[in-house]
C-alpha cells in the first residue's frame, strides 16, 4: 500500500533525493558508485546516508570483495514508500505551476 503524496524533508535535500532515485531503480548500489554518481566526497555521502538510515529509509551491508571492504546500500520498504510519496507530492506541486493562485492547494 503506498502512502498519500507527502513532502519529506529528509528525502528532499538534493543529494538524498538523488540517492533515493538511484536506489529506487536498483535492488542495491555500492557506496563508490553512489559517490561517483553524485560527484561528492566520501564524508558528504556518508552524512546523507546516515540521515536516510536514521529515518529507516535505507539499509547497508558490508562485504569484502578482492580483499577490499565494500558497502552496499538499498532502500527499505518504508524508504521506497516515502520516496514514491515524495515524488508524487513534487509532481502535484509542479502541476500547480501556471494555475491561478489557490487552485489545487490542499492545506
PDB file of N, CA and C in Angstrom:
ATOM      1  N   UNK A   1       0.848  -1.175   0.000  1.00  0.00           N
ATOM      2  CA  UNK A   1       0.000   0.000   0.000  1.00  0.00           C
ATOM      3  C   UNK A   1       0.893   1.236   0.000  1.00  0.00           C
ATOM      4  N   UNK A   2       0.696   2.148  -0.936  1.00  0.00           N
ATOM      5  CA  UNK A   2       1.570   3.312  -0.988  1.00  0.00           C
ATOM      6  C   UNK A   2       0.980   4.455  -0.177  1.00  0.00           C
ATOM      7  N   UNK A   3       1.861   5.314   0.251  1.00  0.00           N
ATOM      8  CA  UNK A   3       1.463   6.471   1.046  1.00  0.00           C
ATOM      9  C   UNK A   3       0.823   7.532   0.170  1.00  0.00           C
ATOM     10  N   UNK A   4       0.031   8.387   0.791  1.00  0.00           N
ATOM     11  CA  UNK A   4      -0.524   9.541   0.089  1.00  0.00           C
ATOM     12  C   UNK A   4       0.637  10.484  -0.234  1.00  0.00           C
ATOM     13  N   UNK A   5       0.510  11.297  -1.290  1.00  0.00           N
ATOM     14  CA  UNK A   5       1.579  12.240  -1.595  1.00  0.00           C
ATOM     15  C   UNK A   5       1.951  13.055  -0.357  1.00  0.00           C
ATOM     16  N   UNK A   6       3.231  13.087  -0.055  1.00  0.00           N
ATOM     17  CA  UNK A   6       3.682  13.771   1.146  1.00  0.00           C
ATOM     18  C   UNK A   6       5.102  14.280   0.946  1.00  0.00           C
ATOM     19  N   UNK A   7       5.308  15.571   1.172  1.00  0.00           N
ATOM     20  CA  UNK A   7       6.631  16.181   1.099  1.00  0.00           C
ATOM     21  C   UNK A   7       7.452  15.643   2.267  1.00  0.00           C
ATOM     22  N   UNK A   8       8.650  15.159   1.998  1.00  0.00           N
ATOM     23  CA  UNK A   8       9.502  14.571   3.032  1.00  0.00           C
ATOM     24  C   UNK A   8      10.817  15.339   3.099  1.00  0.00           C
ATOM     25  N   UNK A   9      11.027  16.129   4.155  1.00  0.00           N
ATOM     26  CA  UNK A   9      12.245  16.937   4.247  1.00  0.00           C
ATOM     27  C   UNK A   9      13.529  16.109   4.338  1.00  0.00           C
ATOM     28  N   UNK A  10      13.451  14.872   4.826  1.00  0.00           N
ATOM     29  CA  UNK A  10      14.646  14.022   4.872  1.00  0.00           C
ATOM     30  C   UNK A  10      15.080  13.671   3.456  1.00  0.00           C
ATOM     31  N   UNK A  11      14.131  13.338   2.606  1.00  0.00           N
ATOM     32  CA  UNK A  11      14.444  12.940   1.228  1.00  0.00           C
ATOM     33  C   UNK A  11      14.724  14.153   0.348  1.00  0.00           C
ATOM     34  N   UNK A  12      14.127  15.297   0.645  1.00  0.00           N
ATOM     35  CA  UNK A  12      14.129  16.421  -0.291  1.00  0.00           C
ATOM     36  C   UNK A  12      15.504  17.030  -0.587  1.00  0.00           C
ATOM     37  N   UNK A  13      16.438  16.975   0.338  1.00  0.00           N
ATOM     38  CA  UNK A  13      17.767  17.544   0.056  1.00  0.00           C
ATOM     39  C   UNK A  13      18.293  16.944  -1.243  1.00  0.00           C
ATOM     40  N   UNK A  14      18.873  17.758  -2.126  1.00  0.00           N
ATOM     41  CA  UNK A  14      19.270  17.260  -3.453  1.00  0.00           C
ATOM     42  C   UNK A  14      20.079  15.973  -3.445  1.00  0.00           C
ATOM     43  N   UNK A  15      21.065  15.862  -2.577  1.00  0.00           N
ATOM     44  CA  UNK A  15      21.874  14.645  -2.544  1.00  0.00           C
ATOM     45  C   UNK A  15      21.068  13.429  -2.134  1.00  0.00           C
ATOM     46  N   UNK A  16      20.238  13.582  -1.110  1.00  0.00           N
ATOM     47  CA  UNK A  16      19.425  12.452  -0.649  1.00  0.00           C
ATOM     48  C   UNK A  16      18.352  12.094  -1.667  1.00  0.00           C
ATOM     49  N   UNK A  17      17.823  13.094  -2.355  1.00  0.00           N
ATOM     50  CA  UNK A  17      16.843  12.836  -3.405  1.00  0.00           C
ATOM     51  C   UNK A  17      17.487  12.011  -4.530  1.00  0.00           C
ATOM     52  N   UNK A  18      18.712  12.362  -4.904  1.00  0.00           N
ATOM     53  CA  UNK A  18      19.422  11.607  -5.938  1.00  0.00           C
ATOM     54  C   UNK A  18      19.726  10.181  -5.472  1.00  0.00           C
ATOM     55  N   UNK A  19      20.136  10.032  -4.219  1.00  0.00           N
ATOM     56  CA  UNK A  19      20.425   8.702  -3.684  1.00  0.00           C
ATOM     57  C   UNK A  19      19.170   7.831  -3.757  1.00  0.00           C
ATOM     58  N   UNK A  20      18.050   8.379  -3.291  1.00  0.00           N
ATOM     59  CA  UNK A  20      16.793   7.612  -3.310  1.00  0.00           C
ATOM     60  C   UNK A  20      16.380   7.269  -4.737  1.00  0.00           C
ATOM     61  N   UNK A  21      16.576   8.190  -5.668  1.00  0.00           N
ATOM     62  CA  UNK A  21      16.221   7.924  -7.062  1.00  0.00           C
ATOM     63  C   UNK A  21      17.066   6.780  -7.621  1.00  0.00           C
ATOM     64  N   UNK A  22      18.355   6.801  -7.348  1.00  0.00           N
ATOM     65  CA  UNK A  22      19.246   5.740  -7.834  1.00  0.00           C
ATOM     66  C   UNK A  22      18.865   4.410  -7.200  1.00  0.00           C
ATOM     67  N   UNK A  23      18.666   4.406  -5.888  1.00  0.00           N
ATOM     68  CA  UNK A  23      18.347   3.157  -5.197  1.00  0.00           C
ATOM     69  C   UNK A  23      16.958   2.635  -5.549  1.00  0.00           C
ATOM     70  N   UNK A  24      16.049   3.531  -5.938  1.00  0.00           N
ATOM     71  CA  UNK A  24      14.705   3.071  -6.299  1.00  0.00           C
ATOM     72  C   UNK A  24      14.721   2.295  -7.614  1.00  0.00           C
ATOM     73  N   UNK A  25      15.745   2.519  -8.418  1.00  0.00           N
ATOM     74  CA  UNK A  25      15.849   1.852  -9.726  1.00  0.00           C
ATOM     75  C   UNK A  25      16.669   0.566  -9.654  1.00  0.00           C
ATOM     76  N   UNK A  26      17.165   0.226  -8.471  1.00  0.00           N
ATOM     77  CA  UNK A  26      18.020  -0.958  -8.328  1.00  0.00           C
ATOM     78  C   UNK A  26      17.716  -1.662  -7.015  1.00  0.00           C
ATOM     79  N   UNK A  27      18.097  -2.911  -6.937  1.00  0.00           N
ATOM     80  CA  UNK A  27      17.945  -3.624  -5.671  1.00  0.00           C
ATOM     81  C   UNK A  27      18.918  -3.075  -4.636  1.00  0.00           C
ATOM     82  N   UNK A  28      20.127  -2.759  -5.087  1.00  0.00           N
ATOM     83  CA  UNK A  28      21.146  -2.191  -4.214  1.00  0.00           C
ATOM     84  C   UNK A  28      22.206  -1.504  -5.070  1.00  0.00           C
ATOM     85  N   UNK A  29      23.002  -0.652  -4.420  1.00  0.00           N
ATOM     86  CA  UNK A  29      24.083   0.045  -5.121  1.00  0.00           C
ATOM     87  C   UNK A  29      25.282   0.131  -4.185  1.00  0.00           C
ATOM     88  N   UNK A  30      26.460   0.125  -4.755  1.00  0.00           N
ATOM     89  CA  UNK A  30      27.691   0.181  -3.988  1.00  0.00           C
ATOM     90  C   UNK A  30      28.040   1.630  -3.662  1.00  0.00           C
ATOM     91  N   UNK A  31      28.609   1.851  -2.485  1.00  0.00           N
ATOM     92  CA  UNK A  31      28.953   3.184  -1.995  1.00  0.00           C
ATOM     93  C   UNK A  31      29.728   3.989  -3.036  1.00  0.00           C
ATOM     94  N   UNK A  32      30.769   3.402  -3.604  1.00  0.00           N
ATOM     95  CA  UNK A  32      31.611   4.127  -4.561  1.00  0.00           C
ATOM     96  C   UNK A  32      30.823   4.554  -5.799  1.00  0.00           C
ATOM     97  N   UNK A  33      29.890   3.721  -6.244  1.00  0.00           N
ATOM     98  CA  UNK A  33      29.076   4.089  -7.399  1.00  0.00           C
ATOM     99  C   UNK A  33      28.203   5.288  -7.074  1.00  0.00           C
ATOM    100  N   UNK A  34      27.603   5.298  -5.884  1.00  0.00           N
ATOM    101  CA  UNK A  34      26.790   6.449  -5.472  1.00  0.00           C
ATOM    102  C   UNK A  34      27.653   7.712  -5.369  1.00  0.00           C
ATOM    103  N   UNK A  35      28.837   7.567  -4.778  1.00  0.00           N
ATOM    104  CA  UNK A  35      29.747   8.718  -4.636  1.00  0.00           C
ATOM    105  C   UNK A  35      30.077   9.313  -6.001  1.00  0.00           C
ATOM    106  N   UNK A  36      30.385   8.459  -6.965  1.00  0.00           N
ATOM    107  CA  UNK A  36      30.713   8.933  -8.312  1.00  0.00           C
ATOM    108  C   UNK A  36      29.489   9.537  -9.004  1.00  0.00           C
ATOM    109  N   UNK A  37      28.339   8.917  -8.854  1.00  0.00           N
ATOM    110  CA  UNK A  37      27.123   9.421  -9.496  1.00  0.00           C
ATOM    111  C   UNK A  37      26.742  10.795  -8.966  1.00  0.00           C
ATOM    112  N   UNK A  38      26.956  11.028  -7.671  1.00  0.00           N
ATOM    113  CA  UNK A  38      26.609  12.312  -7.071  1.00  0.00           C
ATOM    114  C   UNK A  38      27.739  13.334  -7.190  1.00  0.00           C
ATOM    115  N   UNK A  39      28.957  12.850  -7.419  1.00  0.00           N
ATOM    116  CA  UNK A  39      30.108  13.749  -7.522  1.00  0.00           C
ATOM    117  C   UNK A  39      30.444  14.412  -6.198  1.00  0.00           C
ATOM    118  N   UNK A  40      30.377  13.622  -5.104  1.00  0.00           N
ATOM    119  CA  UNK A  40      30.653  14.157  -3.774  1.00  0.00           C
ATOM    120  C   UNK A  40      31.766  13.358  -3.113  1.00  0.00           C
ATOM    121  N   UNK A  41      32.250  13.870  -1.996  1.00  0.00           N
ATOM    122  CA  UNK A  41      33.285  13.174  -1.236  1.00  0.00           C
ATOM    123  C   UNK A  41      32.663  12.049  -0.404  1.00  0.00           C
ATOM    124  N   UNK A  42      33.521  11.179   0.107  1.00  0.00           N
ATOM    125  CA  UNK A  42      33.059  10.108   0.982  1.00  0.00           C
ATOM    126  C   UNK A  42      32.311  10.671   2.187  1.00  0.00           C
ATOM    127  N   UNK A  43      32.845  11.731   2.791  1.00  0.00           N
ATOM    128  CA  UNK A  43      32.223  12.268   4.003  1.00  0.00           C
ATOM    129  C   UNK A  43      30.849  12.873   3.721  1.00  0.00           C
ATOM    130  N   UNK A  44      30.689  13.558   2.603  1.00  0.00           N
ATOM    131  CA  UNK A  44      29.385  14.137   2.255  1.00  0.00           C
ATOM    132  C   UNK A  44      28.372  13.017   2.013  1.00  0.00           C
ATOM    133  N   UNK A  45      28.776  12.003   1.256  1.00  0.00           N
ATOM    134  CA  UNK A  45      27.869  10.890   1.002  1.00  0.00           C
ATOM    135  C   UNK A  45      27.519  10.181   2.302  1.00  0.00           C
ATOM    136  N   UNK A  46      28.489   9.967   3.165  1.00  0.00           N
ATOM    137  CA  UNK A  46      28.245   9.299   4.443  1.00  0.00           C
ATOM    138  C   UNK A  46      27.225  10.058   5.287  1.00  0.00           C
ATOM    139  N   UNK A  47      27.300  11.384   5.291  1.00  0.00           N
ATOM    140  CA  UNK A  47      26.337  12.182   6.057  1.00  0.00           C
ATOM    141  C   UNK A  47      24.924  12.016   5.509  1.00  0.00           C
ATOM    142  N   UNK A  48      24.785  12.026   4.192  1.00  0.00           N
ATOM    143  CA  UNK A  48      23.468  11.813   3.584  1.00  0.00           C
ATOM    144  C   UNK A  48      22.938  10.419   3.918  1.00  0.00           C
ATOM    145  N   UNK A  49      23.805   9.421   3.796  1.00  0.00           N
ATOM    146  CA  UNK A  49      23.389   8.049   4.062  1.00  0.00           C
ATOM    147  C   UNK A  49      22.991   7.859   5.519  1.00  0.00           C
ATOM    148  N   UNK A  50      23.715   8.506   6.424  1.00  0.00           N
ATOM    149  CA  UNK A  50      23.390   8.401   7.852  1.00  0.00           C
ATOM    150  C   UNK A  50      21.984   8.943   8.120  1.00  0.00           C
ATOM    151  N   UNK A  51      21.638  10.077   7.518  1.00  0.00           N
ATOM    152  CA  UNK A  51      20.304  10.642   7.723  1.00  0.00           C
ATOM    153  C   UNK A  51      19.220   9.727   7.162  1.00  0.00           C
ATOM    154  N   UNK A  52      19.465   9.157   6.001  1.00  0.00           N
ATOM    155  CA  UNK A  52      18.499   8.237   5.410  1.00  0.00           C
ATOM    156  C   UNK A  52      18.368   6.966   6.244  1.00  0.00           C
ATOM    157  N   UNK A  53      19.484   6.492   6.772  1.00  0.00           N
ATOM    158  CA  UNK A  53      19.455   5.276   7.587  1.00  0.00           C
ATOM    159  C   UNK A  53      18.744   5.541   8.917  1.00  0.00           C
ATOM    160  N   UNK A  54      18.996   6.695   9.534  1.00  0.00           N
ATOM    161  CA  UNK A  54      18.332   7.038  10.793  1.00  0.00           C
ATOM    162  C   UNK A  54      16.817   7.154  10.608  1.00  0.00           C
ATOM    163  N   UNK A  55      16.383   7.566   9.424  1.00  0.00           N
ATOM    164  CA  UNK A  55      14.947   7.671   9.130  1.00  0.00           C
ATOM    165  C   UNK A  55      14.346   6.300   8.804  1.00  0.00           C
ATOM    166  N   UNK A  56      15.195   5.285   8.669  1.00  0.00           N
ATOM    167  CA  UNK A  56      14.723   3.946   8.332  1.00  0.00           C
ATOM    168  C   UNK A  56      14.480   3.747   6.847  1.00  0.00           C
ATOM    169  N   UNK A  57      15.055   4.619   6.017  1.00  0.00           N
ATOM    170  CA  UNK A  57      14.821   4.574   4.574  1.00  0.00           C
ATOM    171  C   UNK A  57      15.812   3.715   3.809  1.00  0.00           C
ATOM    172  N   UNK A  58      16.998   3.471   4.384  1.00  0.00           N
ATOM    173  CA  UNK A  58      17.987   2.627   3.705  1.00  0.00           C
ATOM    174  C   UNK A  58      18.600   1.643   4.684  1.00  0.00           C
ATOM    175  N   UNK A  59      19.165   0.589   4.132  1.00  0.00           N
ATOM    176  CA  UNK A  59      19.973  -0.347   4.906  1.00  0.00           C
ATOM    177  C   UNK A  59      21.328  -0.447   4.220  1.00  0.00           C
ATOM    178  N   UNK A  60      22.326  -0.825   4.994  1.00  0.00           N
ATOM    179  CA  UNK A  60      23.655  -1.016   4.414  1.00  0.00           C
ATOM    180  C   UNK A  60      24.198  -2.365   4.849  1.00  0.00           C
ATOM    181  N   UNK A  61      24.947  -2.967   3.951  1.00  0.00           N
ATOM    182  CA  UNK A  61      25.649  -4.214   4.263  1.00  0.00           C
ATOM    183  C   UNK A  61      27.089  -4.061   3.805  1.00  0.00           C
ATOM    184  N   UNK A  62      27.988  -4.633   4.579  1.00  0.00           N
ATOM    185  CA  UNK A  62      29.408  -4.566   4.240  1.00  0.00           C
ATOM    186  C   UNK A  62      29.869  -5.953   3.811  1.00  0.00           C
ATOM    187  N   UNK A  63      30.606  -5.978   2.705  1.00  0.00           N
ATOM    188  CA  UNK A  63      31.155  -7.223   2.177  1.00  0.00           C
ATOM    189  C   UNK A  63      32.592  -6.972   1.759  1.00  0.00           C
ATOM    190  N   UNK A  64      33.353  -8.035   1.705  1.00  0.00           N
ATOM    191  CA  UNK A  64      34.721  -7.927   1.211  1.00  0.00           C
ATOM    192  C   UNK A  64      34.772  -8.554  -0.170  1.00  0.00           C
ATOM    193  N   UNK A  65      35.323  -7.794  -1.108  1.00  0.00           N
ATOM    194  CA  UNK A  65      35.483  -8.292  -2.478  1.00  0.00           C
ATOM    195  C   UNK A  65      36.913  -7.999  -2.914  1.00  0.00           C
ATOM    196  N   UNK A  66      37.608  -9.027  -3.342  1.00  0.00           N
ATOM    197  CA  UNK A  66      39.004  -8.888  -3.785  1.00  0.00           C
ATOM    198  C   UNK A  66      39.865  -8.253  -2.697  1.00  0.00           C
ATOM    199  N   UNK A  67      39.585  -8.623  -1.440  1.00  0.00           N
ATOM    200  CA  UNK A  67      40.365  -8.122  -0.319  1.00  0.00           C
ATOM    201  C   UNK A  67      40.040  -6.710   0.114  1.00  0.00           C
ATOM    202  N   UNK A  68      39.025  -6.102  -0.504  1.00  0.00           N
ATOM    203  CA  UNK A  68      38.671  -4.724  -0.161  1.00  0.00           C
ATOM    204  C   UNK A  68      37.258  -4.684   0.412  1.00  0.00           C
ATOM    205  N   UNK A  69      37.081  -3.931   1.508  1.00  0.00           N
ATOM    206  CA  UNK A  69      35.736  -3.800   2.065  1.00  0.00           C
ATOM    207  C   UNK A  69      34.863  -2.942   1.144  1.00  0.00           C
ATOM    208  N   UNK A  70      33.629  -3.371   0.965  1.00  0.00           N
ATOM    209  CA  UNK A  70      32.697  -2.617   0.134  1.00  0.00           C
ATOM    210  C   UNK A  70      31.376  -2.498   0.883  1.00  0.00           C
ATOM    211  N   UNK A  71      30.731  -1.347   0.744  1.00  0.00           N
ATOM    212  CA  UNK A  71      29.446  -1.114   1.385  1.00  0.00           C
ATOM    213  C   UNK A  71      28.374  -1.055   0.321  1.00  0.00           C
ATOM    214  N   UNK A  72      27.329  -1.856   0.513  1.00  0.00           N
ATOM    215  CA  UNK A  72      26.195  -1.897  -0.399  1.00  0.00           C
ATOM    216  C   UNK A  72      24.987  -1.285   0.299  1.00  0.00           C
ATOM    217  N   UNK A  73      24.208  -0.508  -0.437  1.00  0.00           N
ATOM    218  CA  UNK A  73      23.060   0.193   0.127  1.00  0.00           C
ATOM    219  C   UNK A  73      21.802  -0.148  -0.635  1.00  0.00           C
ATOM    220  N   UNK A  74      20.687  -0.152   0.090  1.00  0.00           N
ATOM    221  CA  UNK A  74      19.401  -0.462  -0.529  1.00  0.00           C
ATOM    222  C   UNK A  74      18.306   0.313   0.187  1.00  0.00           C
ATOM    223  N   UNK A  75      17.263   0.655  -0.547  1.00  0.00           N
ATOM    224  CA  UNK A  75      16.090   1.261   0.072  1.00  0.00           C
ATOM    225  C   UNK A  75      15.320   0.193   0.826  1.00  0.00           C
ATOM    226  N   UNK A  76      14.789   0.550   1.970  1.00  0.00           N
ATOM    227  CA  UNK A  76      13.896  -0.344   2.698  1.00  0.00           C
ATOM    228  C   UNK A  76      12.504  -0.205   2.091  1.00  0.00           C
ATOM    229  N   UNK A  77      11.581  -1.044   2.524  1.00  0.00           N
ATOM    230  CA  UNK A  77      10.200  -0.914   2.061  1.00  0.00           C
ATOM    231  C   UNK A  77       9.628   0.446   2.408  1.00  0.00           C
ATOM    232  N   UNK A  78       9.875   0.911   3.634  1.00  0.00           N
ATOM    233  CA  UNK A  78       9.362   2.232   4.014  1.00  0.00           C
ATOM    234  C   UNK A  78      10.085   3.339   3.261  1.00  0.00           C
ATOM    235  N   UNK A  79      11.352   3.111   2.905  1.00  0.00           N
ATOM    236  CA  UNK A  79      12.090   4.088   2.110  1.00  0.00           C
ATOM    237  C   UNK A  79      11.510   4.214   0.710  1.00  0.00           C
ATOM    238  N   UNK A  80      11.163   3.080   0.119  1.00  0.00           N
ATOM    239  CA  UNK A  80      10.537   3.098  -1.214  1.00  0.00           C
ATOM    240  C   UNK A  80       9.191   3.818  -1.163  1.00  0.00           C
ATOM    241  N   UNK A  81       8.395   3.541  -0.131  1.00  0.00           N
ATOM    242  CA  UNK A  81       7.093   4.193   0.008  1.00  0.00           C
ATOM    243  C   UNK A  81       7.255   5.695   0.216  1.00  0.00           C
ATOM    244  N   UNK A  82       8.190   6.089   1.075  1.00  0.00           N
ATOM    245  CA  UNK A  82       8.411   7.507   1.347  1.00  0.00           C
ATOM    246  C   UNK A  82       8.897   8.230   0.094  1.00  0.00           C
ATOM    247  N   UNK A  83       9.798   7.594  -0.661  1.00  0.00           N
ATOM    248  CA  UNK A  83      10.296   8.209  -1.890  1.00  0.00           C
ATOM    249  C   UNK A  83       9.175   8.365  -2.905  1.00  0.00           C
ATOM    250  N   UNK A  84       8.361   7.327  -3.076  1.00  0.00           N
ATOM    251  CA  UNK A  84       7.243   7.404  -4.022  1.00  0.00           C
ATOM    252  C   UNK A  84       6.261   8.496  -3.610  1.00  0.00           C
ATOM    253  N   UNK A  85       5.981   8.622  -2.317  1.00  0.00           N
ATOM    254  CA  UNK A  85       5.069   9.658  -1.840  1.00  0.00           C
ATOM    255  C   UNK A  85       5.664  11.046  -2.063  1.00  0.00           C
ATOM    256  N   UNK A  86       6.970  11.175  -1.847  1.00  0.00           N
ATOM    257  CA  UNK A  86       7.644  12.463  -2.051  1.00  0.00           C
ATOM    258  C   UNK A  86       7.599  12.867  -3.524  1.00  0.00           C
ATOM    259  N   UNK A  87       7.897  11.922  -4.408  1.00  0.00           N
ATOM    260  CA  UNK A  87       7.855  12.198  -5.847  1.00  0.00           C
ATOM    261  C   UNK A  87       6.433  12.572  -6.273  1.00  0.00           C
ATOM    262  N   UNK A  88       5.441  11.881  -5.727  1.00  0.00           N
ATOM    263  CA  UNK A  88       4.041  12.201  -6.047  1.00  0.00           C
ATOM    264  C   UNK A  88       3.697  13.617  -5.608  1.00  0.00           C
ATOM    265  N   UNK A  89       4.194  14.020  -4.450  1.00  0.00           N
ATOM    266  CA  UNK A  89       3.920  15.384  -3.969  1.00  0.00           C
ATOM    267  C   UNK A  89       4.645  16.419  -4.831  1.00  0.00           C
ATOM    268  N   UNK A  90       5.877  16.148  -5.214  1.00  0.00           N
ATOM    269  CA  UNK A  90       6.594  17.064  -6.108  1.00  0.00           C
ATOM    270  C   UNK A  90       5.868  17.182  -7.447  1.00  0.00           C
ATOM    271  N   UNK A  91       5.361  16.072  -7.946  1.00  0.00           N
ATOM    272  CA  UNK A  91       4.611  16.077  -9.203  1.00  0.00           C
ATOM    273  C   UNK A  91       3.340  16.906  -9.054  1.00  0.00           C
ATOM    274  N   UNK A  92       2.663  16.735  -7.921  1.00  0.00           N
ATOM    275  CA  UNK A  92       1.449  17.524  -7.658  1.00  0.00           C
ATOM    276  C   UNK A  92       1.780  19.011  -7.607  1.00  0.00           C
ATOM    277  N   UNK A  93       2.844  19.354  -6.913  1.00  0.00           N
ATOM    278  CA  UNK A  93       3.247  20.761  -6.808  1.00  0.00           C
ATOM    279  C   UNK A  93       3.640  21.330  -8.169  1.00  0.00           C
ATOM    280  N   UNK A  94       4.345  20.544  -8.961  1.00  0.00           N
ATOM    281  CA  UNK A  94       4.749  21.004 -10.292  1.00  0.00           C
ATOM    282  C   UNK A  94       3.522  21.247 -11.165  1.00  0.00           C
ATOM    283  N   UNK A  95       2.464  20.488 -10.948  1.00  0.00           N
ATOM    284  CA  UNK A  95       1.229  20.660 -11.706  1.00  0.00           C
ATOM    285  C   UNK A  95       0.510  21.953 -11.385  1.00  0.00           C
ATOM    286  N   UNK A  96       0.871  22.576 -10.269  1.00  0.00           N
ATOM    287  CA  UNK A  96       0.242  23.842  -9.884  1.00  0.00           C
ATOM    288  C   UNK A  96       0.839  25.040 -10.624  1.00  0.00           C
ATOM    289  N   UNK A  97       1.997  24.845 -11.231  1.00  0.00           N
ATOM    290  CA  UNK A  97       2.663  25.932 -11.939  1.00  0.00           C
ATOM    291  C   UNK A  97       1.749  26.447 -13.050  1.00  0.00           C
ATOM    292  N   UNK A  98       1.519  27.733 -13.049  1.00  0.00           N
ATOM    293  CA  UNK A  98       0.694  28.359 -14.083  1.00  0.00           C
ATOM    294  C   UNK A  98      -0.791  28.364 -13.768  1.00  0.00           C
ATOM    295  N   UNK A  99      -1.209  27.725 -12.666  1.00  0.00           N
ATOM    296  CA  UNK A  99      -2.613  27.753 -12.288  1.00  0.00           C
ATOM    297  C   UNK A  99      -2.889  29.022 -11.487  1.00  0.00           C
ATOM    298  N   UNK A 100      -4.153  29.468 -11.464  1.00  0.00           N
ATOM    299  CA  UNK A 100      -4.482  30.637 -10.667  1.00  0.00           C
ATOM    300  C   UNK A 100      -4.126  30.405  -9.182  1.00  0.00           C
ATOM    301  N   UNK A 101      -3.819  31.486  -8.490  1.00  0.00           N
ATOM    302  CA  UNK A 101      -3.448  31.404  -7.080  1.00  0.00           C
ATOM    303  C   UNK A 101      -4.515  30.666  -6.288  1.00  0.00           C
ATOM    304  N   UNK A 102      -4.084  29.716  -5.465  1.00  0.00           N
ATOM    305  CA  UNK A 102      -5.001  28.979  -4.610  1.00  0.00           C
ATOM    306  C   UNK A 102      -5.593  27.746  -5.257  1.00  0.00           C
ATOM    307  N   UNK A 103      -5.536  27.617  -6.577  1.00  0.00           N
ATOM    308  CA  UNK A 103      -6.110  26.445  -7.242  1.00  0.00           C
ATOM    309  C   UNK A 103      -5.291  25.205  -6.921  1.00  0.00           C
ATOM    310  N   UNK A 104      -5.938  24.165  -6.490  1.00  0.00           N
ATOM    311  CA  UNK A 104      -5.274  22.904  -6.206  1.00  0.00           C
ATOM    312  C   UNK A 104      -4.542  22.875  -4.888  1.00  0.00           C
ATOM    313  N   UNK A 105      -4.618  23.937  -4.095  1.00  0.00           N
ATOM    314  CA  UNK A 105      -3.921  23.952  -2.811  1.00  0.00           C
ATOM    315  C   UNK A 105      -4.716  23.164  -1.791  1.00  0.00           C
ATOM    316  N   UNK A 106      -4.017  22.259  -1.136  1.00  0.00           N
ATOM    317  CA  UNK A 106      -4.640  21.494  -0.053  1.00  0.00           C
ATOM    318  C   UNK A 106      -3.856  21.840   1.195  1.00  0.00           C
ATOM    319  N   UNK A 107      -4.468  22.475   2.135  1.00  0.00           N
ATOM    320  CA  UNK A 107      -3.765  22.936   3.331  1.00  0.00           C
ATOM    321  C   UNK A 107      -3.959  22.164   4.504  1.00  0.00           C
TER     322      UNK A 107
END
